[in-house]
Amino acid sequence: MRINLSSVLVDDQAKALRFYTETLGFQKKHDIPLGEHRWLTVVSPEDPDGTELVLEPDEHPAVKPFKSALVEDGIPFTSFAVKDVMAEHKRLEALGVRFTQPPTDLGTVITAVFDDTCGNLIQIAQEIHTRKEKS
């Protein structure tokens, strides 16, 4: 068993596609019209046949209060792995991305959290090895 799809709930699919591709650097994989919405997925250019992220419309009545509560409490909806949080933070800030948590060293991981402009907080994370493991 493997993870094939994961969703992020977005308030505007076109805006989300621009942000997730042009700003974050993901690649569009599927864009299939489905009435007023689309089956819209993106993938990492590092793994184009890997897990797809569905840019899912957030129109269900339960979604907006859920997303609002997460943002209000500063809780990211999902997390993306990066090789270097500091470099990615600098790159994204230069593109105008608003961070709600700067890079923070938590011992075994460095994280930062940003606003995806579509109603979500997203975490980027870099695993770090402990000193004992480096020896």
N, C-alpha and C. Protein backbone atom coordinates (compact mmCIF):
# COMPACT_ATOMS: atom_id res chain seq x y z
N MET A 1 0.84 -1.17 0.00
CA MET A 1 0.00 0.00 0.00
C MET A 1 0.89 1.24 0.00
N ARG A 2 0.48 2.25 -0.74
CA ARG A 2 1.23 3.50 -0.77
C ARG A 2 0.25 4.67 -0.87
N ILE A 3 0.69 5.84 -0.49
CA ILE A 3 -0.15 7.02 -0.61
C ILE A 3 -0.11 7.48 -2.06
N ASN A 4 -1.27 7.60 -2.67
CA ASN A 4 -1.39 7.98 -4.06
C ASN A 4 -1.79 9.45 -4.20
N LEU A 5 -2.77 9.87 -3.40
CA LEU A 5 -3.29 11.24 -3.44
C LEU A 5 -3.40 11.79 -2.03
N SER A 6 -3.22 13.08 -1.93
CA SER A 6 -3.52 13.81 -0.71
C SER A 6 -4.13 15.13 -1.17
N SER A 7 -5.01 15.69 -0.36
CA SER A 7 -5.70 16.92 -0.77
C SER A 7 -5.32 18.09 0.10
N VAL A 8 -5.38 19.27 -0.49
CA VAL A 8 -5.34 20.52 0.24
C VAL A 8 -6.60 21.26 -0.21
N LEU A 9 -7.35 21.76 0.75
CA LEU A 9 -8.64 22.40 0.47
C LEU A 9 -8.41 23.87 0.16
N VAL A 10 -8.77 24.29 -1.05
CA VAL A 10 -8.46 25.64 -1.50
C VAL A 10 -9.72 26.44 -1.82
N ASP A 11 -9.64 27.75 -1.63
CA ASP A 11 -10.80 28.61 -1.87
C ASP A 11 -10.95 29.03 -3.33
N ASP A 12 -9.92 28.79 -4.16
CA ASP A 12 -9.97 29.17 -5.57
C ASP A 12 -8.96 28.29 -6.31
N GLN A 13 -9.46 27.39 -7.15
CA GLN A 13 -8.56 26.43 -7.80
C GLN A 13 -7.56 27.11 -8.75
N ALA A 14 -7.99 28.12 -9.49
CA ALA A 14 -7.07 28.79 -10.42
C ALA A 14 -5.95 29.49 -9.66
N LYS A 15 -6.32 30.20 -8.59
CA LYS A 15 -5.32 30.89 -7.76
C LYS A 15 -4.38 29.87 -7.13
N ALA A 16 -4.95 28.76 -6.65
CA ALA A 16 -4.13 27.71 -6.03
C ALA A 16 -3.15 27.12 -7.02
N LEU A 17 -3.62 26.87 -8.24
CA LEU A 17 -2.72 26.31 -9.26
C LEU A 17 -1.55 27.25 -9.52
N ARG A 18 -1.83 28.54 -9.64
CA ARG A 18 -0.74 29.51 -9.85
C ARG A 18 0.24 29.48 -8.68
N PHE A 19 -0.27 29.52 -7.45
CA PHE A 19 0.61 29.55 -6.28
C PHE A 19 1.43 28.27 -6.16
N TYR A 20 0.77 27.12 -6.29
CA TYR A 20 1.47 25.85 -6.09
C TYR A 20 2.45 25.53 -7.21
N THR A 21 2.22 26.07 -8.41
CA THR A 21 3.17 25.82 -9.51
C THR A 21 4.17 26.96 -9.64
N GLU A 22 3.71 28.19 -9.82
CA GLU A 22 4.61 29.30 -10.08
C GLU A 22 5.42 29.72 -8.87
N THR A 23 4.85 29.63 -7.67
CA THR A 23 5.58 30.05 -6.47
C THR A 23 6.29 28.88 -5.79
N LEU A 24 5.55 27.81 -5.52
CA LEU A 24 6.17 26.69 -4.81
C LEU A 24 7.00 25.80 -5.72
N GLY A 25 6.66 25.73 -7.01
CA GLY A 25 7.47 24.96 -7.95
C GLY A 25 6.95 23.57 -8.27
N PHE A 26 5.74 23.24 -7.84
CA PHE A 26 5.16 21.95 -8.22
C PHE A 26 4.78 21.99 -9.69
N GLN A 27 4.52 20.82 -10.28
CA GLN A 27 4.11 20.73 -11.67
C GLN A 27 2.67 20.23 -11.75
N LYS A 28 1.91 20.81 -12.68
CA LYS A 28 0.54 20.34 -12.89
C LYS A 28 0.58 18.93 -13.48
N LYS A 29 -0.23 18.04 -12.90
CA LYS A 29 -0.29 16.66 -13.40
C LYS A 29 -1.63 16.41 -14.11
N HIS A 30 -2.75 16.73 -13.45
CA HIS A 30 -4.08 16.55 -14.04
C HIS A 30 -4.88 17.84 -13.93
N ASP A 31 -5.63 18.13 -14.96
CA ASP A 31 -6.54 19.27 -14.96
C ASP A 31 -7.74 18.87 -15.81
N ILE A 32 -8.73 18.27 -15.15
CA ILE A 32 -9.89 17.72 -15.84
C ILE A 32 -11.14 18.47 -15.39
N PRO A 33 -11.85 19.11 -16.32
CA PRO A 33 -13.08 19.83 -15.95
C PRO A 33 -14.12 18.88 -15.36
N LEU A 34 -14.75 19.32 -14.27
CA LEU A 34 -15.82 18.57 -13.61
C LEU A 34 -16.91 19.56 -13.22
N GLY A 35 -17.72 19.96 -14.16
CA GLY A 35 -18.74 20.97 -13.87
C GLY A 35 -18.08 22.30 -13.60
N GLU A 36 -18.45 22.93 -12.48
CA GLU A 36 -17.86 24.23 -12.17
C GLU A 36 -16.46 24.13 -11.56
N HIS A 37 -16.03 22.92 -11.22
CA HIS A 37 -14.71 22.70 -10.65
C HIS A 37 -13.88 21.81 -11.56
N ARG A 38 -12.68 21.46 -11.09
CA ARG A 38 -11.77 20.62 -11.87
C ARG A 38 -11.15 19.57 -10.96
N TRP A 39 -10.78 18.44 -11.57
CA TRP A 39 -9.91 17.48 -10.90
C TRP A 39 -8.51 17.99 -11.21
N LEU A 40 -7.91 18.63 -10.20
CA LEU A 40 -6.69 19.38 -10.41
C LEU A 40 -5.62 18.87 -9.45
N THR A 41 -4.55 18.31 -10.00
CA THR A 41 -3.49 17.79 -9.15
C THR A 41 -2.14 18.35 -9.57
N VAL A 42 -1.25 18.42 -8.60
CA VAL A 42 0.13 18.82 -8.83
C VAL A 42 1.05 17.78 -8.22
N VAL A 43 2.28 17.73 -8.71
CA VAL A 43 3.29 16.80 -8.20
C VAL A 43 4.61 17.52 -8.04
N SER A 44 5.48 16.92 -7.27
CA SER A 44 6.83 17.44 -7.14
C SER A 44 7.61 17.15 -8.42
N PRO A 45 8.37 18.14 -8.92
CA PRO A 45 9.21 17.85 -10.09
C PRO A 45 10.30 16.83 -9.75
N GLU A 46 10.58 16.65 -8.47
CA GLU A 46 11.57 15.67 -8.03
C GLU A 46 11.01 14.25 -8.09
N ASP A 47 9.68 14.11 -8.16
CA ASP A 47 9.03 12.80 -8.18
C ASP A 47 7.72 12.89 -8.96
N PRO A 48 7.80 13.12 -10.30
CA PRO A 48 6.60 13.36 -11.09
C PRO A 48 5.61 12.20 -11.11
N ASP A 49 6.05 10.99 -10.79
CA ASP A 49 5.14 9.85 -10.73
C ASP A 49 4.77 9.50 -9.29
N GLY A 50 5.14 10.39 -8.36
CA GLY A 50 4.87 10.15 -6.94
C GLY A 50 3.49 10.64 -6.51
N THR A 51 3.36 10.88 -5.24
CA THR A 51 2.10 11.31 -4.65
C THR A 51 1.62 12.60 -5.29
N GLU A 52 0.33 12.62 -5.64
CA GLU A 52 -0.28 13.80 -6.23
C GLU A 52 -1.00 14.59 -5.14
N LEU A 53 -0.90 15.90 -5.21
CA LEU A 53 -1.61 16.79 -4.31
C LEU A 53 -2.83 17.32 -5.06
N VAL A 54 -4.02 17.00 -4.54
CA VAL A 54 -5.27 17.46 -5.16
C VAL A 54 -5.57 18.86 -4.63
N LEU A 55 -5.77 19.81 -5.52
CA LEU A 55 -6.18 21.16 -5.14
C LEU A 55 -7.71 21.14 -5.13
N GLU A 56 -8.24 20.77 -3.98
CA GLU A 56 -9.65 20.43 -3.78
C GLU A 56 -10.46 21.66 -3.39
N PRO A 57 -11.60 21.92 -4.07
CA PRO A 57 -12.45 23.05 -3.67
C PRO A 57 -12.92 22.90 -2.22
N ASP A 58 -12.94 24.01 -1.50
CA ASP A 58 -13.30 23.97 -0.07
C ASP A 58 -14.76 24.34 0.19
N GLU A 59 -15.65 23.91 -0.69
CA GLU A 59 -17.04 24.35 -0.62
C GLU A 59 -17.93 23.59 0.36
N HIS A 60 -17.51 22.46 0.88
CA HIS A 60 -18.35 21.76 1.85
C HIS A 60 -18.54 22.67 3.06
N PRO A 61 -19.77 22.75 3.62
CA PRO A 61 -20.04 23.67 4.74
C PRO A 61 -19.12 23.49 5.96
N ALA A 62 -18.60 22.32 6.17
CA ALA A 62 -17.74 22.08 7.34
C ALA A 62 -16.31 22.58 7.12
N VAL A 63 -15.92 22.78 5.89
CA VAL A 63 -14.52 23.07 5.58
C VAL A 63 -14.08 24.46 6.03
N LYS A 64 -14.84 25.49 5.71
CA LYS A 64 -14.39 26.85 6.04
C LYS A 64 -14.21 27.06 7.54
N PRO A 65 -15.15 26.61 8.41
CA PRO A 65 -14.90 26.74 9.85
C PRO A 65 -13.68 25.93 10.31
N PHE A 66 -13.48 24.76 9.73
CA PHE A 66 -12.32 23.92 10.06
C PHE A 66 -11.02 24.63 9.69
N LYS A 67 -10.95 25.13 8.44
CA LYS A 67 -9.75 25.83 7.99
C LYS A 67 -9.50 27.09 8.83
N SER A 68 -10.55 27.82 9.10
CA SER A 68 -10.43 29.05 9.88
C SER A 68 -9.88 28.76 11.28
N ALA A 69 -10.37 27.69 11.90
CA ALA A 69 -9.90 27.31 13.24
C ALA A 69 -8.43 26.93 13.22
N LEU A 70 -8.00 26.19 12.20
CA LEU A 70 -6.58 25.81 12.09
C LEU A 70 -5.71 27.05 11.94
N VAL A 71 -6.10 27.96 11.04
CA VAL A 71 -5.31 29.17 10.81
C VAL A 71 -5.27 30.01 12.09
N GLU A 72 -6.41 30.16 12.74
CA GLU A 72 -6.47 30.97 13.97
C GLU A 72 -5.54 30.41 15.04
N ASP A 73 -5.43 29.09 15.10
CA ASP A 73 -4.56 28.45 16.09
C ASP A 73 -3.13 28.26 15.60
N GLY A 74 -2.85 28.68 14.35
CA GLY A 74 -1.50 28.58 13.81
C GLY A 74 -1.09 27.17 13.41
N ILE A 75 -2.07 26.31 13.15
CA ILE A 75 -1.79 24.90 12.85
C ILE A 75 -1.73 24.69 11.33
N PRO A 76 -0.61 24.18 10.81
CA PRO A 76 -0.52 23.92 9.38
C PRO A 76 -1.42 22.75 8.98
N PHE A 77 -2.00 22.85 7.78
CA PHE A 77 -2.88 21.81 7.26
C PHE A 77 -2.08 20.60 6.79
N THR A 78 -0.90 20.84 6.24
CA THR A 78 -0.05 19.76 5.75
C THR A 78 1.40 20.20 5.82
N SER A 79 2.30 19.28 5.48
CA SER A 79 3.72 19.57 5.55
C SER A 79 4.41 19.04 4.30
N PHE A 80 5.35 19.83 3.78
CA PHE A 80 6.15 19.41 2.63
C PHE A 80 7.61 19.30 3.07
N ALA A 81 8.26 18.24 2.64
CA ALA A 81 9.68 18.04 2.95
C ALA A 81 10.53 18.89 2.01
N VAL A 82 11.54 19.53 2.57
CA VAL A 82 12.52 20.28 1.78
C VAL A 82 13.92 19.89 2.24
N LYS A 83 14.90 20.09 1.37
CA LYS A 83 16.28 19.76 1.73
C LYS A 83 16.88 20.79 2.67
N ASP A 84 16.47 22.07 2.52
CA ASP A 84 17.07 23.15 3.29
C ASP A 84 15.99 24.19 3.60
N VAL A 85 15.45 24.16 4.81
CA VAL A 85 14.38 25.08 5.20
C VAL A 85 14.85 26.54 5.09
N MET A 86 16.06 26.82 5.52
CA MET A 86 16.55 28.21 5.48
C MET A 86 16.57 28.74 4.04
N ALA A 87 17.08 27.95 3.12
CA ALA A 87 17.16 28.37 1.72
C ALA A 87 15.76 28.51 1.12
N GLU A 88 14.89 27.57 1.43
CA GLU A 88 13.52 27.62 0.89
C GLU A 88 12.76 28.81 1.48
N HIS A 89 12.96 29.08 2.75
CA HIS A 89 12.34 30.24 3.39
C HIS A 89 12.79 31.53 2.69
N LYS A 90 14.07 31.64 2.45
CA LYS A 90 14.62 32.83 1.79
C LYS A 90 14.05 32.97 0.37
N ARG A 91 14.01 31.87 -0.38
CA ARG A 91 13.48 31.88 -1.76
C ARG A 91 12.01 32.29 -1.77
N LEU A 92 11.22 31.69 -0.89
CA LEU A 92 9.78 31.98 -0.88
C LEU A 92 9.49 33.39 -0.39
N GLU A 93 10.22 33.85 0.62
CA GLU A 93 10.03 35.24 1.09
C GLU A 93 10.33 36.23 -0.03
N ALA A 94 11.35 35.95 -0.83
CA ALA A 94 11.70 36.83 -1.95
C ALA A 94 10.58 36.87 -2.99
N LEU A 95 9.76 35.82 -3.03
CA LEU A 95 8.63 35.76 -3.95
C LEU A 95 7.36 36.34 -3.33
N GLY A 96 7.47 36.86 -2.10
CA GLY A 96 6.33 37.49 -1.46
C GLY A 96 5.50 36.59 -0.58
N VAL A 97 5.95 35.37 -0.33
CA VAL A 97 5.20 34.45 0.53
C VAL A 97 5.28 34.94 1.96
N ARG A 98 4.13 34.93 2.65
CA ARG A 98 4.05 35.39 4.04
C ARG A 98 4.19 34.20 4.98
N PHE A 99 5.22 34.26 5.81
CA PHE A 99 5.45 33.21 6.79
C PHE A 99 4.84 33.59 8.13
N THR A 100 4.18 32.61 8.76
CA THR A 100 3.61 32.82 10.10
C THR A 100 4.54 32.25 11.17
N GLN A 101 5.48 31.42 10.77
CA GLN A 101 6.51 30.91 11.67
C GLN A 101 7.82 30.89 10.90
N PRO A 102 8.83 31.60 11.37
CA PRO A 102 10.13 31.57 10.69
C PRO A 102 10.78 30.21 10.89
N PRO A 103 11.87 29.93 10.20
CA PRO A 103 12.57 28.68 10.43
C PRO A 103 12.87 28.49 11.92
N THR A 104 12.48 27.33 12.41
CA THR A 104 12.61 27.02 13.83
C THR A 104 13.25 25.65 13.98
N ASP A 105 14.35 25.58 14.73
CA ASP A 105 15.05 24.32 14.97
C ASP A 105 14.38 23.63 16.14
N LEU A 106 13.82 22.45 15.88
CA LEU A 106 13.12 21.69 16.91
C LEU A 106 13.92 20.46 17.34
N GLY A 107 15.20 20.46 17.07
CA GLY A 107 16.05 19.35 17.50
C GLY A 107 16.32 18.35 16.39
N THR A 108 15.30 17.61 15.97
CA THR A 108 15.48 16.63 14.91
C THR A 108 14.88 17.10 13.59
N VAL A 109 14.26 18.28 13.62
CA VAL A 109 13.65 18.83 12.42
C VAL A 109 13.69 20.36 12.50
N ILE A 110 13.83 20.99 11.35
CA ILE A 110 13.70 22.45 11.24
C ILE A 110 12.42 22.68 10.45
N THR A 111 11.55 23.54 10.97
CA THR A 111 10.29 23.81 10.29
C THR A 111 10.09 25.30 10.10
N ALA A 112 9.21 25.64 9.16
CA ALA A 112 8.73 27.00 8.96
C ALA A 112 7.30 26.84 8.44
N VAL A 113 6.46 27.84 8.67
CA VAL A 113 5.06 27.76 8.27
C VAL A 113 4.70 29.00 7.47
N PHE A 114 4.01 28.80 6.33
CA PHE A 114 3.59 29.93 5.49
C PHE A 114 2.12 29.83 5.15
N ASP A 115 1.58 30.96 4.69
CA ASP A 115 0.21 31.09 4.23
C ASP A 115 0.20 30.78 2.73
N ASP A 116 -0.64 29.83 2.31
CA ASP A 116 -0.65 29.45 0.89
C ASP A 116 -1.56 30.34 0.03
N THR A 117 -2.10 31.39 0.59
CA THR A 117 -2.99 32.36 -0.08
C THR A 117 -4.35 31.77 -0.43
N CYS A 118 -4.59 30.52 -0.08
CA CYS A 118 -5.83 29.82 -0.42
C CYS A 118 -6.57 29.36 0.82
N GLY A 119 -6.21 29.95 1.98
CA GLY A 119 -6.90 29.64 3.21
C GLY A 119 -6.22 28.62 4.10
N ASN A 120 -4.97 28.27 3.82
CA ASN A 120 -4.27 27.25 4.60
C ASN A 120 -2.92 27.74 5.08
N LEU A 121 -2.49 27.20 6.20
CA LEU A 121 -1.10 27.31 6.61
C LEU A 121 -0.42 26.01 6.21
N ILE A 122 0.76 26.12 5.63
CA ILE A 122 1.52 24.97 5.16
C ILE A 122 2.89 24.99 5.82
N GLN A 123 3.32 23.84 6.29
CA GLN A 123 4.63 23.71 6.93
C GLN A 123 5.63 23.15 5.93
N ILE A 124 6.85 23.67 5.97
CA ILE A 124 7.96 23.02 5.28
C ILE A 124 8.87 22.49 6.38
N ALA A 125 9.45 21.31 6.12
CA ALA A 125 10.24 20.65 7.16
C ALA A 125 11.48 20.01 6.57
N GLN A 126 12.54 20.11 7.33
CA GLN A 126 13.82 19.50 6.97
C GLN A 126 14.26 18.63 8.13
N GLU A 127 14.41 17.33 7.88
CA GLU A 127 14.92 16.45 8.93
C GLU A 127 16.40 16.72 9.11
N ILE A 128 16.83 16.76 10.37
CA ILE A 128 18.26 16.92 10.65
C ILE A 128 18.71 15.74 11.49
N HIS A 129 19.94 15.40 11.34
CA HIS A 129 20.49 14.28 12.09
C HIS A 129 21.06 14.78 13.41
N THR A 130 20.92 13.98 14.42
CA THR A 130 21.49 14.37 15.71
C THR A 130 22.98 14.24 15.64
N ARG A 131 23.66 14.88 16.58
CA ARG A 131 25.13 14.82 16.60
C ARG A 131 25.63 13.39 16.71
N LYS A 132 24.93 12.58 17.48
CA LYS A 132 25.34 11.19 17.65
C LYS A 132 25.30 10.46 16.32
N GLU A 133 24.26 10.72 15.49
CA GLU A 133 24.15 10.06 14.19
C GLU A 133 25.22 10.54 13.23
N LYS A 134 25.70 11.77 13.36
CA LYS A 134 26.71 12.31 12.46
C LYS A 134 28.07 11.66 12.68
N SER A 135 28.31 11.19 13.88
CA SER A 135 29.63 10.62 14.21
C SER A 135 29.92 9.35 13.47
